[in-house]
Amino acid sequence: MCERYGVSLALENHQDLTTDELLTLLKLVDSEWVGICFDTGNPLALLEDPLDSATAFGPLIRSVHLKDYQVAARPDGFSLVGCALGEGVVELRAILDFLATRAPEVNLNIETYMGRHTFEVLEEGYLDRVPEASAAALGRTLRLVRDRGLPREPELPIERGASEDEILSAEDDLVLGSVRWAQQAVKRKERELADLAEGSSGSAHGGGSRSPEGGPFDAAQGGPVRGE
């Protein structure tokens, strides 16, 4: 049906199927019209590294949800806490650099989450109950929590009994902080692309360049980076 109507279908990497499972599914489907909507934060919930997941999906990525998480230790495991882009542990700049070369036409969408996901990975039998997880992945994730985690879990506005206006204000701050980070990232990437083009053109062409049209880094002029 996608081929008939010329519409691409992008499956999001939700916090239920691993990168390998999604790649296996796409291999079974075997259609150029079906790809991945890549959420940059969700791999953490499956003890995966987001940059590794992006690299594995590569040109299969059709759209991107830019999302970041902070991590915090818990007695029974760890939690993922939603935050503004650039304030968490997701290597967003490295992912954007990768996408610029392997999937330059994808749309970048900002996704914010003001909440918490908890994972009881230290409970006995966790790896037996979650067969897609491995001891190596668990160890890597726990090191991330140890080295880059918050000193304590933050109290969310709704947990401290904040009013509706206070919760809405906190959500606005989260969105605006993410937009500001995205704008700065876009401008940085455009400068890098311009410098690269200028260096490759040589003085015989008079130097100077502009960033390519249609790619994800045109958003500073009102392009595809959007808040959702």
N, C-alpha and C. Protein backbone atom coordinates (compact mmCIF):
# COMPACT_ATOMS: atom_id res chain seq x y z
N MET A 1 0.83 -1.20 0.00
CA MET A 1 0.00 0.00 0.00
C MET A 1 0.87 1.26 0.00
N CYS A 2 1.96 1.25 0.79
CA CYS A 2 2.86 2.41 0.82
C CYS A 2 3.43 2.68 -0.56
N GLU A 3 3.84 1.62 -1.25
CA GLU A 3 4.39 1.78 -2.59
C GLU A 3 3.33 2.29 -3.55
N ARG A 4 2.12 1.79 -3.43
CA ARG A 4 1.04 2.18 -4.34
C ARG A 4 0.76 3.67 -4.26
N TYR A 5 0.77 4.22 -3.04
CA TYR A 5 0.43 5.62 -2.86
C TYR A 5 1.66 6.51 -2.70
N GLY A 6 2.85 5.93 -2.75
CA GLY A 6 4.06 6.73 -2.65
C GLY A 6 4.27 7.36 -1.28
N VAL A 7 3.87 6.64 -0.23
CA VAL A 7 3.97 7.15 1.13
C VAL A 7 4.91 6.26 1.94
N SER A 8 5.87 6.86 2.62
CA SER A 8 6.79 6.08 3.45
C SER A 8 6.18 5.84 4.83
N LEU A 9 6.44 4.66 5.37
CA LEU A 9 6.00 4.30 6.72
C LEU A 9 7.23 4.20 7.60
N ALA A 10 7.24 4.95 8.70
CA ALA A 10 8.38 4.96 9.61
C ALA A 10 7.97 4.36 10.96
N LEU A 11 8.57 3.26 11.34
CA LEU A 11 8.29 2.60 12.61
C LEU A 11 9.18 3.20 13.69
N GLU A 12 8.56 3.67 14.77
CA GLU A 12 9.37 4.27 15.84
C GLU A 12 9.98 3.19 16.73
N ASN A 13 11.20 3.46 17.17
CA ASN A 13 11.85 2.57 18.14
C ASN A 13 11.35 2.90 19.54
N HIS A 14 10.15 2.43 19.84
CA HIS A 14 9.58 2.64 21.17
C HIS A 14 10.38 1.81 22.19
N GLN A 15 9.99 1.91 23.42
CA GLN A 15 10.74 1.23 24.48
C GLN A 15 10.26 -0.21 24.64
N ASP A 16 10.08 -0.90 23.51
CA ASP A 16 9.62 -2.27 23.56
C ASP A 16 10.41 -3.20 22.65
N LEU A 17 10.85 -2.72 21.50
CA LEU A 17 11.64 -3.54 20.59
C LEU A 17 13.06 -2.99 20.50
N THR A 18 14.05 -3.88 20.57
CA THR A 18 15.44 -3.46 20.49
C THR A 18 15.79 -3.09 19.05
N THR A 19 16.96 -2.51 18.90
CA THR A 19 17.44 -2.16 17.57
C THR A 19 17.52 -3.39 16.68
N ASP A 20 18.09 -4.48 17.20
CA ASP A 20 18.22 -5.70 16.40
C ASP A 20 16.86 -6.26 16.02
N GLU A 21 15.89 -6.20 16.93
CA GLU A 21 14.56 -6.71 16.63
C GLU A 21 13.90 -5.90 15.52
N LEU A 22 14.06 -4.57 15.56
CA LEU A 22 13.49 -3.74 14.51
C LEU A 22 14.18 -3.98 13.17
N LEU A 23 15.49 -4.16 13.19
CA LEU A 23 16.21 -4.44 11.95
C LEU A 23 15.75 -5.77 11.36
N THR A 24 15.52 -6.76 12.21
CA THR A 24 15.02 -8.05 11.74
C THR A 24 13.64 -7.89 11.11
N LEU A 25 12.78 -7.09 11.75
CA LEU A 25 11.44 -6.85 11.22
C LEU A 25 11.50 -6.18 9.85
N LEU A 26 12.36 -5.16 9.72
CA LEU A 26 12.47 -4.46 8.44
C LEU A 26 13.04 -5.37 7.36
N LYS A 27 13.92 -6.27 7.76
CA LYS A 27 14.46 -7.23 6.78
C LYS A 27 13.37 -8.15 6.27
N LEU A 28 12.46 -8.54 7.16
CA LEU A 28 11.35 -9.40 6.75
C LEU A 28 10.39 -8.66 5.82
N VAL A 29 10.13 -7.38 6.13
CA VAL A 29 9.25 -6.58 5.29
C VAL A 29 9.88 -6.33 3.92
N ASP A 30 11.18 -6.00 3.95
CA ASP A 30 11.97 -5.84 2.72
C ASP A 30 11.31 -4.88 1.73
N SER A 31 11.09 -3.65 2.19
CA SER A 31 10.51 -2.63 1.32
C SER A 31 11.23 -1.30 1.53
N GLU A 32 11.56 -0.64 0.44
CA GLU A 32 12.21 0.66 0.54
C GLU A 32 11.26 1.73 1.08
N TRP A 33 9.97 1.40 1.15
CA TRP A 33 8.98 2.35 1.62
C TRP A 33 8.78 2.28 3.14
N VAL A 34 9.44 1.34 3.79
CA VAL A 34 9.30 1.19 5.24
C VAL A 34 10.66 1.40 5.90
N GLY A 35 10.70 2.31 6.88
CA GLY A 35 11.94 2.61 7.56
C GLY A 35 11.71 2.86 9.04
N ILE A 36 12.56 3.70 9.61
CA ILE A 36 12.58 3.93 11.05
C ILE A 36 12.32 5.40 11.38
N CYS A 37 11.45 5.63 12.35
CA CYS A 37 11.35 6.93 13.02
C CYS A 37 12.20 6.81 14.28
N PHE A 38 13.37 7.43 14.27
CA PHE A 38 14.35 7.20 15.33
C PHE A 38 14.16 8.18 16.48
N ASP A 39 13.84 7.64 17.65
CA ASP A 39 13.76 8.43 18.87
C ASP A 39 15.11 8.32 19.57
N THR A 40 15.78 9.45 19.78
CA THR A 40 17.15 9.43 20.29
C THR A 40 17.24 8.99 21.75
N GLY A 41 16.15 9.10 22.50
CA GLY A 41 16.21 8.76 23.92
C GLY A 41 15.79 7.34 24.23
N ASN A 42 14.91 6.76 23.41
CA ASN A 42 14.32 5.47 23.75
C ASN A 42 15.30 4.30 23.87
N PRO A 43 16.42 4.27 23.13
CA PRO A 43 17.34 3.14 23.31
C PRO A 43 17.82 2.96 24.75
N LEU A 44 17.90 4.05 25.50
CA LEU A 44 18.37 3.94 26.88
C LEU A 44 17.48 3.03 27.71
N ALA A 45 16.19 3.02 27.40
CA ALA A 45 15.26 2.19 28.16
C ALA A 45 15.50 0.70 27.94
N LEU A 46 16.18 0.36 26.85
CA LEU A 46 16.48 -1.03 26.53
C LEU A 46 17.96 -1.33 26.73
N LEU A 47 18.63 -0.47 27.53
CA LEU A 47 20.05 -0.63 27.87
C LEU A 47 20.93 -0.53 26.63
N GLU A 48 20.48 0.24 25.64
CA GLU A 48 21.26 0.42 24.41
C GLU A 48 21.84 1.83 24.37
N ASP A 49 22.91 1.98 23.63
CA ASP A 49 23.52 3.29 23.42
C ASP A 49 22.84 3.96 22.23
N PRO A 50 22.28 5.16 22.41
CA PRO A 50 21.55 5.81 21.30
C PRO A 50 22.38 6.01 20.04
N LEU A 51 23.65 6.38 20.19
CA LEU A 51 24.49 6.57 19.01
C LEU A 51 24.72 5.25 18.28
N ASP A 52 24.91 4.17 19.03
CA ASP A 52 25.06 2.86 18.41
C ASP A 52 23.79 2.48 17.64
N SER A 53 22.64 2.79 18.22
CA SER A 53 21.38 2.48 17.55
C SER A 53 21.23 3.28 16.26
N ALA A 54 21.55 4.57 16.33
CA ALA A 54 21.48 5.40 15.13
C ALA A 54 22.39 4.86 14.04
N THR A 55 23.59 4.46 14.43
CA THR A 55 24.55 3.93 13.47
C THR A 55 24.02 2.65 12.83
N ALA A 56 23.38 1.80 13.63
CA ALA A 56 22.86 0.54 13.10
C ALA A 56 21.70 0.77 12.12
N PHE A 57 20.83 1.73 12.44
CA PHE A 57 19.70 2.02 11.56
C PHE A 57 20.16 2.74 10.28
N GLY A 58 21.11 3.66 10.43
CA GLY A 58 21.70 4.35 9.30
C GLY A 58 20.69 4.91 8.31
N PRO A 59 20.83 4.57 7.03
CA PRO A 59 19.95 5.15 5.99
C PRO A 59 18.51 4.69 6.08
N LEU A 60 18.21 3.75 6.98
CA LEU A 60 16.82 3.34 7.17
C LEU A 60 16.01 4.39 7.91
N ILE A 61 16.69 5.36 8.52
CA ILE A 61 16.02 6.39 9.30
C ILE A 61 15.29 7.35 8.35
N ARG A 62 13.99 7.51 8.60
CA ARG A 62 13.16 8.39 7.77
C ARG A 62 12.80 9.68 8.51
N SER A 63 12.74 9.62 9.82
CA SER A 63 12.38 10.77 10.63
C SER A 63 13.03 10.60 12.00
N VAL A 64 13.18 11.72 12.72
CA VAL A 64 13.88 11.67 14.00
C VAL A 64 13.10 12.44 15.05
N HIS A 65 12.96 11.85 16.24
CA HIS A 65 12.48 12.54 17.42
C HIS A 65 13.68 12.86 18.29
N LEU A 66 14.06 14.12 18.36
CA LEU A 66 15.16 14.52 19.22
C LEU A 66 14.66 14.59 20.66
N LYS A 67 15.17 13.71 21.49
CA LYS A 67 14.73 13.65 22.89
C LYS A 67 15.94 13.34 23.76
N ASP A 68 15.95 13.92 24.95
CA ASP A 68 17.07 13.73 25.86
C ASP A 68 16.57 13.25 27.21
N TYR A 69 17.41 12.56 27.93
CA TYR A 69 17.09 12.09 29.27
C TYR A 69 18.27 12.32 30.21
N GLN A 70 17.96 12.65 31.44
CA GLN A 70 18.91 12.54 32.52
C GLN A 70 18.72 11.17 33.16
N VAL A 71 19.76 10.70 33.85
CA VAL A 71 19.67 9.41 34.52
C VAL A 71 19.95 9.60 36.01
N ALA A 72 19.34 8.75 36.82
CA ALA A 72 19.54 8.81 38.27
C ALA A 72 19.48 7.40 38.83
N ALA A 73 20.33 7.14 39.80
CA ALA A 73 20.36 5.82 40.42
C ALA A 73 19.19 5.66 41.38
N ARG A 74 18.71 4.42 41.48
CA ARG A 74 17.69 4.03 42.44
C ARG A 74 18.17 2.76 43.15
N PRO A 75 17.63 2.47 44.32
CA PRO A 75 18.07 1.26 45.03
C PRO A 75 17.91 -0.01 44.20
N ASP A 76 16.88 -0.04 43.34
CA ASP A 76 16.64 -1.24 42.55
C ASP A 76 17.04 -1.10 41.09
N GLY A 77 17.69 0.01 40.73
CA GLY A 77 18.11 0.19 39.35
C GLY A 77 18.39 1.63 39.01
N PHE A 78 17.65 2.17 38.05
CA PHE A 78 17.87 3.56 37.65
C PHE A 78 16.58 4.11 37.06
N SER A 79 16.58 5.41 36.86
CA SER A 79 15.43 6.06 36.22
C SER A 79 15.91 6.97 35.10
N LEU A 80 15.05 7.15 34.12
CA LEU A 80 15.24 8.13 33.05
C LEU A 80 14.30 9.29 33.34
N VAL A 81 14.86 10.50 33.39
CA VAL A 81 14.09 11.69 33.72
C VAL A 81 14.12 12.62 32.52
N GLY A 82 12.95 12.99 32.02
CA GLY A 82 12.87 13.88 30.87
C GLY A 82 13.50 15.23 31.16
N CYS A 83 14.15 15.80 30.16
CA CYS A 83 14.83 17.08 30.32
C CYS A 83 14.89 17.78 28.97
N ALA A 84 15.34 19.03 28.98
CA ALA A 84 15.53 19.76 27.73
C ALA A 84 16.69 19.17 26.95
N LEU A 85 16.66 19.33 25.64
CA LEU A 85 17.76 18.85 24.80
C LEU A 85 19.08 19.45 25.28
N GLY A 86 20.10 18.62 25.33
CA GLY A 86 21.43 19.08 25.73
C GLY A 86 21.68 19.01 27.22
N GLU A 87 20.65 18.72 28.02
CA GLU A 87 20.83 18.66 29.47
C GLU A 87 20.97 17.23 29.98
N GLY A 88 20.86 16.25 29.09
CA GLY A 88 20.90 14.86 29.50
C GLY A 88 22.15 14.13 29.03
N VAL A 89 22.03 12.80 28.93
CA VAL A 89 23.18 11.96 28.63
C VAL A 89 23.22 11.50 27.17
N VAL A 90 22.19 11.79 26.39
CA VAL A 90 22.18 11.38 24.99
C VAL A 90 23.18 12.21 24.20
N GLU A 91 24.01 11.53 23.42
CA GLU A 91 25.04 12.23 22.62
C GLU A 91 24.39 12.81 21.36
N LEU A 92 23.61 13.87 21.57
CA LEU A 92 22.82 14.42 20.47
C LEU A 92 23.68 15.00 19.35
N ARG A 93 24.74 15.70 19.71
CA ARG A 93 25.58 16.30 18.65
C ARG A 93 26.21 15.22 17.79
N ALA A 94 26.67 14.14 18.41
CA ALA A 94 27.27 13.05 17.63
C ALA A 94 26.22 12.39 16.74
N ILE A 95 25.00 12.26 17.24
CA ILE A 95 23.93 11.68 16.42
C ILE A 95 23.60 12.59 15.24
N LEU A 96 23.53 13.89 15.47
CA LEU A 96 23.27 14.83 14.38
C LEU A 96 24.39 14.80 13.35
N ASP A 97 25.63 14.70 13.81
CA ASP A 97 26.76 14.60 12.88
C ASP A 97 26.62 13.35 12.01
N PHE A 98 26.23 12.25 12.64
CA PHE A 98 26.06 11.00 11.88
C PHE A 98 24.93 11.14 10.86
N LEU A 99 23.80 11.71 11.30
CA LEU A 99 22.66 11.85 10.39
C LEU A 99 22.98 12.75 9.21
N ALA A 100 23.80 13.75 9.43
CA ALA A 100 24.14 14.68 8.34
C ALA A 100 24.83 13.97 7.19
N THR A 101 25.50 12.86 7.47
CA THR A 101 26.22 12.14 6.42
C THR A 101 25.47 10.91 5.92
N ARG A 102 24.72 10.24 6.81
CA ARG A 102 24.07 8.98 6.42
C ARG A 102 22.59 9.11 6.12
N ALA A 103 21.94 10.11 6.68
CA ALA A 103 20.50 10.30 6.42
C ALA A 103 20.20 11.79 6.38
N PRO A 104 20.80 12.51 5.44
CA PRO A 104 20.73 13.98 5.45
C PRO A 104 19.36 14.57 5.16
N GLU A 105 18.43 13.79 4.62
CA GLU A 105 17.14 14.33 4.23
C GLU A 105 16.06 14.17 5.30
N VAL A 106 16.39 13.59 6.43
CA VAL A 106 15.36 13.30 7.42
C VAL A 106 14.87 14.59 8.09
N ASN A 107 13.62 14.55 8.53
CA ASN A 107 13.07 15.64 9.32
C ASN A 107 13.45 15.44 10.78
N LEU A 108 13.81 16.53 11.44
CA LEU A 108 14.15 16.49 12.86
C LEU A 108 13.02 17.13 13.65
N ASN A 109 12.46 16.38 14.57
CA ASN A 109 11.35 16.85 15.40
C ASN A 109 11.78 16.87 16.86
N ILE A 110 11.48 17.95 17.55
CA ILE A 110 11.79 18.04 18.97
C ILE A 110 10.68 17.36 19.76
N GLU A 111 11.06 16.45 20.62
CA GLU A 111 10.10 15.79 21.51
C GLU A 111 10.54 16.01 22.96
N THR A 112 9.68 16.57 23.77
CA THR A 112 10.00 16.78 25.18
C THR A 112 9.12 15.89 26.04
N TYR A 113 9.67 15.52 27.19
CA TYR A 113 8.95 14.63 28.11
C TYR A 113 9.22 15.10 29.53
N MET A 114 8.18 15.50 30.23
CA MET A 114 8.34 15.93 31.61
C MET A 114 7.80 14.82 32.52
N GLY A 115 8.62 13.82 32.69
CA GLY A 115 8.21 12.68 33.49
C GLY A 115 9.40 11.79 33.79
N ARG A 116 9.09 10.57 34.26
CA ARG A 116 10.14 9.67 34.71
C ARG A 116 9.77 8.23 34.34
N HIS A 117 10.75 7.48 33.87
CA HIS A 117 10.61 6.05 33.66
C HIS A 117 11.57 5.35 34.62
N THR A 118 11.12 4.31 35.30
CA THR A 118 11.98 3.58 36.24
C THR A 118 12.22 2.17 35.72
N PHE A 119 13.42 1.67 36.01
CA PHE A 119 13.83 0.35 35.53
C PHE A 119 14.50 -0.41 36.67
N GLU A 120 13.88 -1.51 37.08
CA GLU A 120 14.35 -2.29 38.24
C GLU A 120 15.38 -3.31 37.79
N VAL A 121 16.47 -2.83 37.22
CA VAL A 121 17.45 -3.73 36.61
C VAL A 121 18.28 -4.49 37.64
N LEU A 122 18.27 -4.06 38.90
CA LEU A 122 19.05 -4.74 39.92
C LEU A 122 18.23 -5.78 40.68
N GLU A 123 16.96 -5.90 40.34
CA GLU A 123 16.16 -6.94 40.96
C GLU A 123 16.60 -8.32 40.47
N GLU A 124 16.53 -9.29 41.35
CA GLU A 124 16.94 -10.64 40.99
C GLU A 124 16.08 -11.16 39.84
N GLY A 125 16.76 -11.72 38.85
CA GLY A 125 16.06 -12.29 37.71
C GLY A 125 15.71 -11.31 36.61
N TYR A 126 16.20 -10.06 36.68
CA TYR A 126 15.84 -9.06 35.66
C TYR A 126 16.25 -9.53 34.27
N LEU A 127 17.47 -10.03 34.13
CA LEU A 127 17.94 -10.44 32.81
C LEU A 127 17.16 -11.64 32.29
N ASP A 128 16.63 -12.46 33.19
CA ASP A 128 15.80 -13.58 32.75
C ASP A 128 14.45 -13.10 32.24
N ARG A 129 13.92 -12.05 32.87
CA ARG A 129 12.61 -11.53 32.47
C ARG A 129 12.68 -10.66 31.22
N VAL A 130 13.88 -10.11 30.97
CA VAL A 130 14.07 -9.23 29.82
C VAL A 130 15.14 -9.87 28.93
N PRO A 131 14.76 -10.86 28.13
CA PRO A 131 15.76 -11.63 27.39
C PRO A 131 16.56 -10.82 26.38
N GLU A 132 16.02 -9.68 25.93
CA GLU A 132 16.76 -8.89 24.95
C GLU A 132 17.93 -8.13 25.57
N ALA A 133 17.94 -8.04 26.91
CA ALA A 133 19.04 -7.36 27.60
C ALA A 133 20.20 -8.34 27.82
N SER A 134 21.39 -7.80 27.92
CA SER A 134 22.57 -8.62 28.17
C SER A 134 23.31 -8.08 29.38
N ALA A 135 24.14 -8.91 29.97
CA ALA A 135 24.92 -8.48 31.12
C ALA A 135 25.86 -7.34 30.73
N ALA A 136 26.41 -7.40 29.52
CA ALA A 136 27.32 -6.34 29.07
C ALA A 136 26.57 -5.02 28.93
N ALA A 137 25.36 -5.07 28.36
CA ALA A 137 24.57 -3.84 28.20
C ALA A 137 24.16 -3.29 29.55
N LEU A 138 23.82 -4.18 30.48
CA LEU A 138 23.46 -3.73 31.83
C LEU A 138 24.65 -3.07 32.50
N GLY A 139 25.83 -3.66 32.37
CA GLY A 139 27.02 -3.06 32.97
C GLY A 139 27.34 -1.70 32.39
N ARG A 140 27.20 -1.55 31.06
CA ARG A 140 27.47 -0.27 30.41
C ARG A 140 26.50 0.80 30.90
N THR A 141 25.23 0.41 31.03
CA THR A 141 24.23 1.37 31.48
C THR A 141 24.46 1.79 32.92
N LEU A 142 24.81 0.85 33.77
CA LEU A 142 25.06 1.18 35.18
C LEU A 142 26.29 2.07 35.32
N ARG A 143 27.28 1.88 34.46
CA ARG A 143 28.45 2.79 34.48
C ARG A 143 28.05 4.19 34.06
N LEU A 144 27.15 4.28 33.08
CA LEU A 144 26.65 5.59 32.65
C LEU A 144 25.94 6.28 33.81
N VAL A 145 25.11 5.53 34.52
CA VAL A 145 24.39 6.09 35.67
C VAL A 145 25.38 6.53 36.74
N ARG A 146 26.40 5.73 36.97
CA ARG A 146 27.40 6.07 37.99
C ARG A 146 28.20 7.32 37.60
N ASP A 147 28.61 7.39 36.34
CA ASP A 147 29.53 8.46 35.93
C ASP A 147 28.82 9.76 35.57
N ARG A 148 27.59 9.68 35.06
CA ARG A 148 26.93 10.88 34.56
C ARG A 148 25.54 11.10 35.17
N GLY A 149 25.20 10.28 36.15
CA GLY A 149 23.87 10.37 36.73
C GLY A 149 23.73 11.55 37.68
N LEU A 150 22.48 11.95 37.91
CA LEU A 150 22.18 13.00 38.88
C LEU A 150 22.53 12.51 40.29
N PRO A 151 22.89 13.42 41.19
CA PRO A 151 23.19 12.99 42.56
C PRO A 151 21.98 12.40 43.27
N ARG A 152 20.79 12.80 42.86
CA ARG A 152 19.55 12.25 43.41
C ARG A 152 18.42 12.48 42.40
N GLU A 153 17.39 11.68 42.52
CA GLU A 153 16.26 11.85 41.63
C GLU A 153 15.56 13.17 41.91
N PRO A 154 15.28 13.96 40.88
CA PRO A 154 14.58 15.22 41.10
C PRO A 154 13.10 14.98 41.38
N GLU A 155 12.51 15.88 42.12
CA GLU A 155 11.09 15.82 42.38
C GLU A 155 10.37 16.54 41.24
N LEU A 156 9.49 15.84 40.56
CA LEU A 156 8.77 16.43 39.44
C LEU A 156 7.70 17.40 39.94
N PRO A 157 7.34 18.40 39.14
CA PRO A 157 6.33 19.37 39.58
C PRO A 157 5.04 18.73 40.07
N ILE A 158 4.57 17.72 39.35
CA ILE A 158 3.31 17.09 39.74
C ILE A 158 3.47 16.33 41.06
N GLU A 159 4.70 15.88 41.35
CA GLU A 159 4.93 15.14 42.58
C GLU A 159 4.97 16.05 43.80
N ARG A 160 5.34 17.28 43.60
CA ARG A 160 5.40 18.20 44.73
C ARG A 160 4.12 19.04 44.86
N GLY A 161 3.10 18.63 44.12
CA GLY A 161 1.81 19.29 44.24
C GLY A 161 1.73 20.64 43.58
N ALA A 162 2.48 20.85 42.50
CA ALA A 162 2.47 22.12 41.80
C ALA A 162 1.10 22.39 41.20
N SER A 163 0.79 23.66 41.06
CA SER A 163 -0.48 24.04 40.46
C SER A 163 -0.43 23.80 38.96
N GLU A 164 -1.60 23.87 38.32
CA GLU A 164 -1.65 23.68 36.87
C GLU A 164 -0.82 24.73 36.15
N ASP A 165 -0.88 25.97 36.60
CA ASP A 165 -0.08 27.03 35.97
C ASP A 165 1.41 26.76 36.12
N GLU A 166 1.82 26.27 37.28
CA GLU A 166 3.24 25.97 37.50
C GLU A 166 3.70 24.81 36.62
N ILE A 167 2.84 23.82 36.46
CA ILE A 167 3.19 22.69 35.60
C ILE A 167 3.30 23.14 34.14
N LEU A 168 2.37 23.95 33.70
CA LEU A 168 2.42 24.46 32.32
C LEU A 168 3.65 25.32 32.10
N SER A 169 4.02 26.12 33.10
CA SER A 169 5.22 26.96 33.00
C SER A 169 6.47 26.09 32.89
N ALA A 170 6.51 25.01 33.68
CA ALA A 170 7.66 24.11 33.62
C ALA A 170 7.74 23.43 32.26
N GLU A 171 6.60 23.06 31.70
CA GLU A 171 6.59 22.46 30.37
C GLU A 171 7.06 23.46 29.31
N ASP A 172 6.63 24.71 29.43
CA ASP A 172 7.10 25.75 28.51
C ASP A 172 8.61 25.90 28.57
N ASP A 173 9.15 25.91 29.78
CA ASP A 173 10.60 26.03 29.94
C ASP A 173 11.33 24.87 29.27
N LEU A 174 10.75 23.68 29.40
CA LEU A 174 11.35 22.49 28.80
C LEU A 174 11.38 22.60 27.28
N VAL A 175 10.27 23.04 26.70
CA VAL A 175 10.19 23.18 25.25
C VAL A 175 11.12 24.29 24.76
N LEU A 176 11.09 25.45 25.41
CA LEU A 176 11.91 26.57 24.97
C LEU A 176 13.40 26.26 25.10
N GLY A 177 13.78 25.58 26.18
CA GLY A 177 15.18 25.19 26.33
C GLY A 177 15.61 24.25 25.22
N SER A 178 14.72 23.34 24.82
CA SER A 178 15.05 22.40 23.75
C SER A 178 15.15 23.12 22.40
N VAL A 179 14.26 24.06 22.15
CA VAL A 179 14.31 24.82 20.90
C VAL A 179 15.60 25.62 20.82
N ARG A 180 15.98 26.26 21.91
CA ARG A 180 17.23 27.03 21.90
C ARG A 180 18.43 26.14 21.60
N TRP A 181 18.46 24.96 22.22
CA TRP A 181 19.58 24.05 21.95
C TRP A 181 19.59 23.64 20.48
N ALA A 182 18.42 23.32 19.93
CA ALA A 182 18.34 22.90 18.53
C ALA A 182 18.79 24.01 17.59
N GLN A 183 18.39 25.24 17.88
CA GLN A 183 18.81 26.36 17.03
C GLN A 183 20.32 26.51 17.04
N GLN A 184 20.94 26.40 18.21
CA GLN A 184 22.39 26.50 18.30
C GLN A 184 23.07 25.36 17.56
N ALA A 185 22.50 24.15 17.68
CA ALA A 185 23.09 23.00 17.00
C ALA A 185 22.99 23.16 15.49
N VAL A 186 21.85 23.68 15.01
CA VAL A 186 21.67 23.91 13.59
C VAL A 186 22.69 24.92 13.07
N LYS A 187 22.86 26.02 13.78
CA LYS A 187 23.80 27.05 13.34
C LYS A 187 25.22 26.52 13.33
N ARG A 188 25.57 25.71 14.34
CA ARG A 188 26.92 25.13 14.37
C ARG A 188 27.13 24.23 13.17
N LYS A 189 26.15 23.38 12.86
CA LYS A 189 26.30 22.46 11.74
C LYS A 189 26.36 23.21 10.41
N GLU A 190 25.59 24.26 10.26
CA GLU A 190 25.63 25.05 9.03
C GLU A 190 27.00 25.68 8.84
N ARG A 191 27.59 26.18 9.95
CA ARG A 191 28.95 26.75 9.85
C ARG A 191 29.95 25.69 9.44
N GLU A 192 29.82 24.49 10.01
CA GLU A 192 30.75 23.42 9.66
C GLU A 192 30.61 23.03 8.20
N LEU A 193 29.37 22.92 7.71
CA LEU A 193 29.16 22.57 6.32
C LEU A 193 29.69 23.66 5.39
N ALA A 194 29.50 24.92 5.77
CA ALA A 194 30.00 26.02 4.96
C ALA A 194 31.51 26.01 4.91
N ASP A 195 32.15 25.77 6.06
CA ASP A 195 33.62 25.72 6.11
C ASP A 195 34.14 24.57 5.27
N LEU A 196 33.45 23.42 5.34
CA LEU A 196 33.87 22.27 4.56
C LEU A 196 33.76 22.54 3.08
N ALA A 197 32.65 23.14 2.66
CA ALA A 197 32.45 23.44 1.24
C ALA A 197 33.46 24.47 0.75
N GLU A 198 33.75 25.46 1.59
CA GLU A 198 34.72 26.49 1.21
C GLU A 198 36.10 25.89 1.04
N GLY A 199 36.47 24.98 1.94
CA GLY A 199 37.77 24.35 1.85
C GLY A 199 37.91 23.47 0.64
N SER A 200 36.83 22.81 0.22
CA SER A 200 36.89 21.91 -0.92
C SER A 200 36.79 22.64 -2.25
N SER A 201 36.20 23.86 -2.25
CA SER A 201 36.03 24.58 -3.50
C SER A 201 37.34 25.20 -3.98
N GLY A 202 38.20 25.62 -3.03
CA GLY A 202 39.48 26.18 -3.41
C GLY A 202 39.36 27.62 -3.87
N SER A 203 40.50 28.29 -3.91
CA SER A 203 40.52 29.70 -4.29
C SER A 203 40.17 29.91 -5.75
N ALA A 204 40.31 28.87 -6.58
CA ALA A 204 40.00 29.02 -8.00
C ALA A 204 38.52 29.30 -8.22
N HIS A 205 37.70 28.88 -7.27
CA HIS A 205 36.28 29.12 -7.40
C HIS A 205 35.83 30.32 -6.58
N GLY A 206 36.77 31.04 -6.03
CA GLY A 206 36.43 32.24 -5.31
C GLY A 206 36.03 32.02 -3.87
N GLY A 207 36.06 30.77 -3.40
CA GLY A 207 35.69 30.49 -2.01
C GLY A 207 34.21 30.73 -1.78
N GLY A 208 33.83 30.66 -0.53
CA GLY A 208 32.42 30.89 -0.16
C GLY A 208 31.56 29.69 -0.47
N SER A 209 30.46 29.58 0.24
CA SER A 209 29.57 28.46 0.03
C SER A 209 28.27 28.72 0.75
N ARG A 210 27.35 27.84 0.57
CA ARG A 210 26.13 27.88 1.34
C ARG A 210 25.79 26.44 1.72
N SER A 211 24.99 26.27 2.77
CA SER A 211 24.63 24.91 3.19
C SER A 211 23.66 24.33 2.19
N PRO A 212 23.69 22.99 2.01
CA PRO A 212 22.79 22.37 1.02
C PRO A 212 21.34 22.57 1.40
N GLU A 213 20.49 22.67 0.38
CA GLU A 213 19.07 22.88 0.62
C GLU A 213 18.38 21.55 0.87
N GLY A 214 17.29 21.62 1.62
CA GLY A 214 16.46 20.45 1.77
C GLY A 214 16.84 19.52 2.91
N GLY A 215 18.02 19.71 3.51
CA GLY A 215 18.47 18.84 4.57
C GLY A 215 17.93 19.27 5.90
N PRO A 216 18.26 18.52 6.96
CA PRO A 216 17.67 18.81 8.27
C PRO A 216 18.23 20.06 8.92
N PHE A 217 19.31 20.62 8.38
CA PHE A 217 19.94 21.74 9.04
C PHE A 217 19.56 23.08 8.43
N ASP A 218 18.44 23.13 7.70
CA ASP A 218 17.90 24.38 7.20
C ASP A 218 16.91 24.99 8.18
N ALA A 219 16.80 24.41 9.35
CA ALA A 219 15.71 24.79 10.26
C ALA A 219 15.84 26.20 10.82
N ALA A 220 17.06 26.75 10.86
CA ALA A 220 17.20 28.10 11.39
C ALA A 220 16.45 29.11 10.52
N GLN A 221 16.18 28.73 9.26
CA GLN A 221 15.40 29.59 8.37
C GLN A 221 13.96 29.09 8.26
N GLY A 222 13.50 28.33 9.25
CA GLY A 222 12.11 27.88 9.23
C GLY A 222 11.93 26.54 8.58
N GLY A 223 12.96 25.70 8.60
CA GLY A 223 12.90 24.38 7.95
C GLY A 223 12.35 23.32 8.86
N PRO A 224 12.83 22.07 8.70
CA PRO A 224 12.14 20.93 9.28
C PRO A 224 12.26 20.71 10.77
N VAL A 225 13.16 21.37 11.49
CA VAL A 225 13.19 21.12 12.93
C VAL A 225 11.95 21.72 13.56
N ARG A 226 11.14 20.88 14.20
CA ARG A 226 9.87 21.32 14.74
C ARG A 226 9.70 20.82 16.16
N GLY A 227 8.96 21.52 16.92
CA GLY A 227 8.60 21.06 18.27
C GLY A 227 7.32 20.25 18.20
N GLU A 228 7.31 19.10 18.91
CA GLU A 228 6.11 18.26 18.95
C GLU A 228 5.77 17.93 20.38
